[in-house]
Amino acid sequence: MIITEIVPGHIVPFPTDDSRRDEGAELVFNGRVRSTEHGKLILALEYEHYSGMAEKELNDLARETAEKFPIRDLFCRHRIGRINIGETSLHVAIWSRHRKEGLVAMAHFIAELKKRVPIWKWAILASGEKVPSECVHQD
């Protein structure tokens, strides 16, 4: 099963599922806003997206990931709008038979999300200035 959502408010994590009997690994990733962005103190991040296109690309990426890797389910929620320090901006849950394929699928999915899905983030500096924030690190 694939579930992808882009939400404007706080992210409610997908619930754990203790009824699963064939998946030995449940991987959960929560991406949170740090207090610095590229070495500068910030107050928050603000995410914008290309409505319609971002949802489609996120769902396409999730389906491609599920086809490429031996995983059972992939659920993703990405937040848009202003997100304060410490809050979750991205929540991903993947279920797989074993941890290795789940970990590889998770790394692939998040790296590709940052490359492909039209969601942009702005850092709101301590001065109140809003500046673009690009993902420049490797994986």
N, C-alpha and C. Protein backbone atom coordinates (compact mmCIF):
# COMPACT_ATOMS: atom_id res chain seq x y z
N MET A 1 0.83 -1.16 0.00
CA MET A 1 0.00 0.00 0.00
C MET A 1 0.89 1.24 0.00
N ILE A 2 0.47 2.22 -0.74
CA ILE A 2 1.17 3.50 -0.81
C ILE A 2 0.22 4.59 -0.33
N ILE A 3 0.70 5.42 0.59
CA ILE A 3 -0.05 6.60 1.03
C ILE A 3 0.93 7.76 1.01
N THR A 4 0.59 8.83 0.30
CA THR A 4 1.41 10.04 0.32
C THR A 4 0.49 11.24 0.52
N GLU A 5 0.95 12.17 1.33
CA GLU A 5 0.16 13.37 1.62
C GLU A 5 1.08 14.57 1.79
N ILE A 6 0.60 15.70 1.35
CA ILE A 6 1.25 16.97 1.64
C ILE A 6 0.25 17.74 2.48
N VAL A 7 0.64 18.09 3.70
CA VAL A 7 -0.31 18.65 4.67
C VAL A 7 0.14 20.03 5.15
N PRO A 8 -0.82 20.92 5.42
CA PRO A 8 -0.48 22.27 5.87
C PRO A 8 -0.28 22.42 7.37
N GLY A 9 -0.71 21.46 8.17
CA GLY A 9 -0.60 21.59 9.62
C GLY A 9 0.36 20.59 10.20
N HIS A 10 0.32 20.46 11.50
CA HIS A 10 1.19 19.51 12.19
C HIS A 10 1.02 18.11 11.62
N ILE A 11 2.11 17.37 11.55
CA ILE A 11 2.08 16.00 11.04
C ILE A 11 1.67 15.06 12.16
N VAL A 12 0.66 14.26 11.87
CA VAL A 12 0.26 13.18 12.77
C VAL A 12 0.95 11.93 12.24
N PRO A 13 1.84 11.30 13.01
CA PRO A 13 2.56 10.11 12.52
C PRO A 13 1.60 8.97 12.19
N PHE A 14 1.99 8.19 11.20
CA PHE A 14 1.23 6.98 10.89
C PHE A 14 1.39 6.03 12.08
N PRO A 15 0.31 5.35 12.47
CA PRO A 15 0.41 4.46 13.63
C PRO A 15 1.21 3.20 13.33
N THR A 16 1.85 2.67 14.36
CA THR A 16 2.53 1.40 14.24
C THR A 16 1.45 0.32 14.12
N ASP A 17 1.81 -0.83 13.55
CA ASP A 17 0.83 -1.87 13.30
C ASP A 17 1.35 -3.21 13.81
N ASP A 18 0.96 -3.56 15.01
CA ASP A 18 1.43 -4.80 15.63
C ASP A 18 0.75 -6.05 15.09
N SER A 19 -0.18 -5.89 14.16
CA SER A 19 -0.86 -7.06 13.59
C SER A 19 -0.10 -7.66 12.41
N ARG A 20 0.92 -6.98 11.95
CA ARG A 20 1.68 -7.47 10.80
C ARG A 20 2.46 -8.72 11.21
N ARG A 21 2.42 -9.74 10.36
CA ARG A 21 3.09 -11.01 10.66
C ARG A 21 4.20 -11.36 9.67
N ASP A 22 4.22 -10.70 8.50
CA ASP A 22 5.22 -11.03 7.47
C ASP A 22 6.31 -9.97 7.32
N GLU A 23 6.13 -8.81 7.92
CA GLU A 23 7.12 -7.75 7.84
C GLU A 23 7.90 -7.70 9.15
N GLY A 24 9.19 -7.98 9.08
CA GLY A 24 10.02 -7.96 10.27
C GLY A 24 10.61 -6.60 10.57
N ALA A 25 10.47 -5.66 9.62
CA ALA A 25 11.05 -4.33 9.82
C ALA A 25 9.99 -3.25 9.58
N GLU A 26 9.89 -2.37 10.53
CA GLU A 26 9.07 -1.17 10.39
C GLU A 26 10.01 0.00 10.61
N LEU A 27 10.30 0.73 9.55
CA LEU A 27 11.22 1.85 9.64
C LEU A 27 10.44 3.15 9.63
N VAL A 28 10.79 4.05 10.54
CA VAL A 28 10.12 5.34 10.63
C VAL A 28 11.19 6.43 10.61
N PHE A 29 10.99 7.41 9.75
CA PHE A 29 11.89 8.56 9.67
C PHE A 29 11.07 9.81 9.93
N ASN A 30 11.55 10.63 10.84
CA ASN A 30 10.96 11.94 11.09
C ASN A 30 12.02 13.00 10.86
N GLY A 31 11.85 13.79 9.84
CA GLY A 31 12.75 14.91 9.58
C GLY A 31 12.27 16.12 10.35
N ARG A 32 13.15 16.69 11.16
CA ARG A 32 12.78 17.82 12.02
C ARG A 32 13.57 19.07 11.66
N VAL A 33 13.02 20.21 11.99
CA VAL A 33 13.67 21.49 11.74
C VAL A 33 14.73 21.72 12.82
N ARG A 34 15.97 21.93 12.36
CA ARG A 34 17.09 22.23 13.27
C ARG A 34 17.11 23.73 13.58
N SER A 35 17.90 24.11 14.55
CA SER A 35 17.98 25.53 14.94
C SER A 35 18.92 26.33 14.05
N THR A 36 19.66 25.64 13.19
CA THR A 36 20.55 26.33 12.26
C THR A 36 20.33 25.79 10.85
N GLU A 37 20.59 26.62 9.90
CA GLU A 37 20.52 26.23 8.49
C GLU A 37 21.75 26.83 7.81
N HIS A 38 22.61 25.96 7.33
CA HIS A 38 23.87 26.37 6.70
C HIS A 38 24.68 27.28 7.62
N GLY A 39 24.71 26.90 8.90
CA GLY A 39 25.54 27.61 9.88
C GLY A 39 24.93 28.88 10.45
N LYS A 40 23.71 29.23 10.05
CA LYS A 40 23.07 30.44 10.56
C LYS A 40 21.90 30.06 11.46
N LEU A 41 21.73 30.80 12.56
CA LEU A 41 20.59 30.59 13.44
C LEU A 41 19.31 30.94 12.72
N ILE A 42 18.30 30.10 12.90
CA ILE A 42 17.00 30.37 12.27
C ILE A 42 15.89 30.30 13.31
N LEU A 43 14.74 30.86 12.94
CA LEU A 43 13.55 30.79 13.77
C LEU A 43 12.65 29.63 13.33
N ALA A 44 12.66 29.37 12.01
CA ALA A 44 11.77 28.36 11.44
C ALA A 44 12.17 28.12 9.99
N LEU A 45 11.55 27.12 9.38
CA LEU A 45 11.62 26.91 7.94
C LEU A 45 10.22 27.11 7.38
N GLU A 46 10.15 27.58 6.16
CA GLU A 46 8.86 27.70 5.50
C GLU A 46 8.94 26.92 4.19
N TYR A 47 8.02 25.96 4.02
CA TYR A 47 7.99 25.11 2.84
C TYR A 47 6.85 25.55 1.92
N GLU A 48 7.17 25.63 0.63
CA GLU A 48 6.18 25.89 -0.42
C GLU A 48 6.20 24.73 -1.38
N HIS A 49 5.13 24.54 -2.11
CA HIS A 49 5.11 23.47 -3.10
C HIS A 49 4.32 23.89 -4.33
N TYR A 50 4.56 23.18 -5.42
CA TYR A 50 3.83 23.37 -6.66
C TYR A 50 2.60 22.47 -6.53
N SER A 51 1.49 23.04 -6.13
CA SER A 51 0.28 22.28 -5.84
C SER A 51 -0.16 21.45 -7.05
N GLY A 52 -0.55 20.24 -6.79
CA GLY A 52 -0.96 19.31 -7.84
C GLY A 52 0.22 18.52 -8.36
N MET A 53 1.24 19.20 -8.82
CA MET A 53 2.43 18.53 -9.34
C MET A 53 3.22 17.85 -8.21
N ALA A 54 3.36 18.52 -7.07
CA ALA A 54 4.13 17.94 -5.97
C ALA A 54 3.46 16.67 -5.45
N GLU A 55 2.14 16.70 -5.32
CA GLU A 55 1.42 15.51 -4.85
C GLU A 55 1.59 14.35 -5.81
N LYS A 56 1.48 14.63 -7.11
CA LYS A 56 1.62 13.58 -8.12
C LYS A 56 3.02 13.00 -8.12
N GLU A 57 4.03 13.86 -8.08
CA GLU A 57 5.42 13.39 -8.11
C GLU A 57 5.77 12.60 -6.85
N LEU A 58 5.27 13.04 -5.71
CA LEU A 58 5.51 12.32 -4.46
C LEU A 58 4.90 10.92 -4.52
N ASN A 59 3.68 10.83 -5.02
CA ASN A 59 3.02 9.53 -5.15
C ASN A 59 3.74 8.65 -6.18
N ASP A 60 4.13 9.23 -7.32
CA ASP A 60 4.87 8.46 -8.34
C ASP A 60 6.17 7.92 -7.76
N LEU A 61 6.89 8.75 -7.01
CA LEU A 61 8.15 8.33 -6.41
C LEU A 61 7.93 7.19 -5.42
N ALA A 62 6.89 7.29 -4.61
CA ALA A 62 6.59 6.23 -3.64
C ALA A 62 6.28 4.91 -4.36
N ARG A 63 5.51 4.97 -5.43
CA ARG A 63 5.19 3.76 -6.19
C ARG A 63 6.45 3.17 -6.84
N GLU A 64 7.28 4.03 -7.42
CA GLU A 64 8.52 3.56 -8.03
C GLU A 64 9.43 2.90 -6.99
N THR A 65 9.50 3.49 -5.81
CA THR A 65 10.34 2.93 -4.74
C THR A 65 9.82 1.56 -4.33
N ALA A 66 8.51 1.41 -4.22
CA ALA A 66 7.91 0.13 -3.83
C ALA A 66 8.13 -0.93 -4.91
N GLU A 67 8.23 -0.51 -6.16
CA GLU A 67 8.49 -1.46 -7.26
C GLU A 67 9.97 -1.82 -7.33
N LYS A 68 10.84 -0.88 -7.01
CA LYS A 68 12.28 -1.08 -7.13
C LYS A 68 12.86 -1.91 -5.99
N PHE A 69 12.30 -1.76 -4.79
CA PHE A 69 12.83 -2.44 -3.61
C PHE A 69 11.79 -3.40 -3.06
N PRO A 70 12.22 -4.50 -2.42
CA PRO A 70 11.27 -5.46 -1.87
C PRO A 70 10.67 -4.99 -0.54
N ILE A 71 9.84 -3.94 -0.63
CA ILE A 71 9.15 -3.42 0.55
C ILE A 71 7.66 -3.67 0.37
N ARG A 72 6.94 -3.66 1.49
CA ARG A 72 5.50 -3.96 1.44
C ARG A 72 4.68 -2.68 1.33
N ASP A 73 4.98 -1.71 2.18
CA ASP A 73 4.19 -0.47 2.24
C ASP A 73 5.11 0.71 2.43
N LEU A 74 4.68 1.86 1.90
CA LEU A 74 5.42 3.11 2.08
C LEU A 74 4.38 4.20 2.31
N PHE A 75 4.48 4.85 3.47
CA PHE A 75 3.60 5.95 3.82
C PHE A 75 4.45 7.20 4.01
N CYS A 76 3.98 8.34 3.48
CA CYS A 76 4.75 9.58 3.60
C CYS A 76 3.82 10.76 3.80
N ARG A 77 4.18 11.60 4.76
CA ARG A 77 3.53 12.89 4.94
C ARG A 77 4.61 13.96 4.92
N HIS A 78 4.42 14.97 4.07
CA HIS A 78 5.34 16.11 4.00
C HIS A 78 4.54 17.36 4.33
N ARG A 79 5.07 18.15 5.21
CA ARG A 79 4.39 19.35 5.66
C ARG A 79 4.78 20.55 4.81
N ILE A 80 3.86 21.48 4.64
CA ILE A 80 4.14 22.76 3.99
C ILE A 80 3.73 23.87 4.96
N GLY A 81 4.20 25.08 4.65
CA GLY A 81 3.93 26.22 5.53
C GLY A 81 5.08 26.43 6.48
N ARG A 82 4.85 27.24 7.47
CA ARG A 82 5.90 27.55 8.46
C ARG A 82 6.00 26.42 9.48
N ILE A 83 7.24 25.97 9.69
CA ILE A 83 7.50 24.88 10.63
C ILE A 83 8.58 25.34 11.60
N ASN A 84 8.25 25.37 12.86
CA ASN A 84 9.16 25.87 13.88
C ASN A 84 10.24 24.85 14.23
N ILE A 85 11.28 25.34 14.87
CA ILE A 85 12.40 24.49 15.30
C ILE A 85 11.86 23.34 16.14
N GLY A 86 12.36 22.15 15.85
CA GLY A 86 11.98 20.96 16.59
C GLY A 86 10.76 20.24 16.05
N GLU A 87 9.98 20.89 15.20
CA GLU A 87 8.79 20.26 14.65
C GLU A 87 9.14 19.38 13.45
N THR A 88 8.28 18.41 13.16
CA THR A 88 8.48 17.48 12.05
C THR A 88 8.01 18.09 10.75
N SER A 89 8.87 18.02 9.73
CA SER A 89 8.50 18.49 8.40
C SER A 89 8.26 17.31 7.44
N LEU A 90 8.82 16.14 7.77
CA LEU A 90 8.69 14.97 6.90
C LEU A 90 8.56 13.72 7.77
N HIS A 91 7.56 12.90 7.48
CA HIS A 91 7.35 11.64 8.20
C HIS A 91 7.20 10.54 7.15
N VAL A 92 8.06 9.51 7.24
CA VAL A 92 8.01 8.39 6.31
C VAL A 92 8.02 7.09 7.12
N ALA A 93 7.15 6.17 6.73
CA ALA A 93 7.14 4.83 7.34
C ALA A 93 7.21 3.80 6.21
N ILE A 94 8.10 2.84 6.38
CA ILE A 94 8.27 1.76 5.40
C ILE A 94 8.24 0.44 6.14
N TRP A 95 7.49 -0.52 5.60
CA TRP A 95 7.48 -1.88 6.12
C TRP A 95 8.12 -2.80 5.11
N SER A 96 9.02 -3.65 5.59
CA SER A 96 9.69 -4.62 4.72
C SER A 96 9.91 -5.91 5.49
N ARG A 97 10.19 -6.96 4.75
CA ARG A 97 10.41 -8.27 5.37
C ARG A 97 11.63 -8.24 6.29
N HIS A 98 12.70 -7.57 5.82
CA HIS A 98 13.95 -7.46 6.59
C HIS A 98 14.38 -6.00 6.62
N ARG A 99 15.24 -5.65 7.58
CA ARG A 99 15.65 -4.26 7.75
C ARG A 99 16.47 -3.73 6.59
N LYS A 100 17.35 -4.56 6.01
CA LYS A 100 18.28 -4.07 4.99
C LYS A 100 17.55 -3.45 3.81
N GLU A 101 16.58 -4.15 3.25
CA GLU A 101 15.88 -3.58 2.09
C GLU A 101 15.06 -2.36 2.49
N GLY A 102 14.56 -2.35 3.72
CA GLY A 102 13.83 -1.18 4.18
C GLY A 102 14.72 0.04 4.33
N LEU A 103 15.91 -0.17 4.88
CA LEU A 103 16.86 0.94 5.05
C LEU A 103 17.31 1.50 3.71
N VAL A 104 17.60 0.62 2.77
CA VAL A 104 18.03 1.07 1.43
C VAL A 104 16.89 1.81 0.73
N ALA A 105 15.68 1.29 0.84
CA ALA A 105 14.53 1.94 0.23
C ALA A 105 14.28 3.31 0.85
N MET A 106 14.41 3.41 2.16
CA MET A 106 14.20 4.69 2.85
C MET A 106 15.22 5.73 2.38
N ALA A 107 16.49 5.36 2.32
CA ALA A 107 17.53 6.28 1.88
C ALA A 107 17.27 6.75 0.45
N HIS A 108 16.90 5.81 -0.42
CA HIS A 108 16.60 6.14 -1.82
C HIS A 108 15.41 7.09 -1.90
N PHE A 109 14.34 6.76 -1.20
CA PHE A 109 13.12 7.56 -1.27
C PHE A 109 13.36 9.00 -0.83
N ILE A 110 14.05 9.19 0.29
CA ILE A 110 14.27 10.55 0.80
C ILE A 110 15.21 11.33 -0.12
N ALA A 111 16.26 10.69 -0.62
CA ALA A 111 17.18 11.38 -1.54
C ALA A 111 16.46 11.82 -2.81
N GLU A 112 15.65 10.93 -3.36
CA GLU A 112 14.92 11.27 -4.58
C GLU A 112 13.82 12.31 -4.34
N LEU A 113 13.19 12.26 -3.18
CA LEU A 113 12.18 13.26 -2.83
C LEU A 113 12.80 14.65 -2.90
N LYS A 114 13.99 14.80 -2.31
CA LYS A 114 14.65 16.11 -2.29
C LYS A 114 15.04 16.57 -3.69
N LYS A 115 15.31 15.63 -4.60
CA LYS A 115 15.68 15.98 -5.97
C LYS A 115 14.47 16.25 -6.87
N ARG A 116 13.42 15.45 -6.71
CA ARG A 116 12.35 15.41 -7.71
C ARG A 116 11.07 16.13 -7.36
N VAL A 117 10.70 16.15 -6.10
CA VAL A 117 9.39 16.68 -5.74
C VAL A 117 9.49 18.20 -5.59
N PRO A 118 8.62 18.94 -6.31
CA PRO A 118 8.71 20.41 -6.27
C PRO A 118 8.18 21.01 -4.96
N ILE A 119 9.02 20.85 -3.95
CA ILE A 119 8.80 21.46 -2.64
C ILE A 119 10.06 22.26 -2.33
N TRP A 120 9.88 23.53 -1.99
CA TRP A 120 11.02 24.40 -1.72
C TRP A 120 10.95 24.88 -0.28
N LYS A 121 12.14 25.07 0.31
CA LYS A 121 12.14 25.57 1.68
C LYS A 121 12.90 26.89 1.78
N TRP A 122 12.40 27.70 2.67
CA TRP A 122 12.99 29.00 2.99
C TRP A 122 13.36 28.99 4.46
N ALA A 123 14.53 29.49 4.76
CA ALA A 123 14.95 29.65 6.15
C ALA A 123 14.55 31.04 6.61
N ILE A 124 13.93 31.10 7.78
CA ILE A 124 13.60 32.38 8.38
C ILE A 124 14.65 32.63 9.44
N LEU A 125 15.54 33.57 9.15
CA LEU A 125 16.67 33.86 10.02
C LEU A 125 16.23 34.57 11.29
N ALA A 126 17.10 34.58 12.28
CA ALA A 126 16.81 35.24 13.55
C ALA A 126 16.47 36.72 13.34
N SER A 127 17.00 37.32 12.27
CA SER A 127 16.72 38.73 11.95
C SER A 127 15.33 38.92 11.35
N GLY A 128 14.67 37.80 10.99
CA GLY A 128 13.36 37.87 10.34
C GLY A 128 13.46 37.75 8.83
N GLU A 129 14.69 37.87 8.31
CA GLU A 129 14.90 37.75 6.87
C GLU A 129 14.58 36.32 6.41
N LYS A 130 13.96 36.21 5.24
CA LYS A 130 13.60 34.92 4.65
C LYS A 130 14.51 34.66 3.45
N VAL A 131 15.30 33.57 3.53
CA VAL A 131 16.25 33.28 2.46
C VAL A 131 16.04 31.84 1.96
N PRO A 132 16.30 31.60 0.65
CA PRO A 132 16.15 30.25 0.13
C PRO A 132 17.13 29.30 0.82
N SER A 133 16.71 28.08 1.03
CA SER A 133 17.55 27.08 1.66
C SER A 133 17.60 25.85 0.77
N GLU A 134 18.74 25.63 0.16
CA GLU A 134 18.90 24.48 -0.72
C GLU A 134 19.54 23.32 0.02
N CYS A 135 19.18 22.12 -0.38
CA CYS A 135 19.80 20.92 0.17
C CYS A 135 21.11 20.69 -0.60
N VAL A 136 22.24 20.95 0.07
CA VAL A 136 23.52 20.87 -0.62
C VAL A 136 24.38 19.71 -0.16
N HIS A 137 23.94 18.98 0.87
CA HIS A 137 24.73 17.85 1.36
C HIS A 137 24.46 16.62 0.49
N GLN A 138 25.36 15.66 0.55
CA GLN A 138 25.22 14.42 -0.20
C GLN A 138 24.46 13.42 0.66
N ASP A 139 23.37 12.92 0.14
CA ASP A 139 22.51 11.93 0.81
C ASP A 139 22.51 12.20 2.27
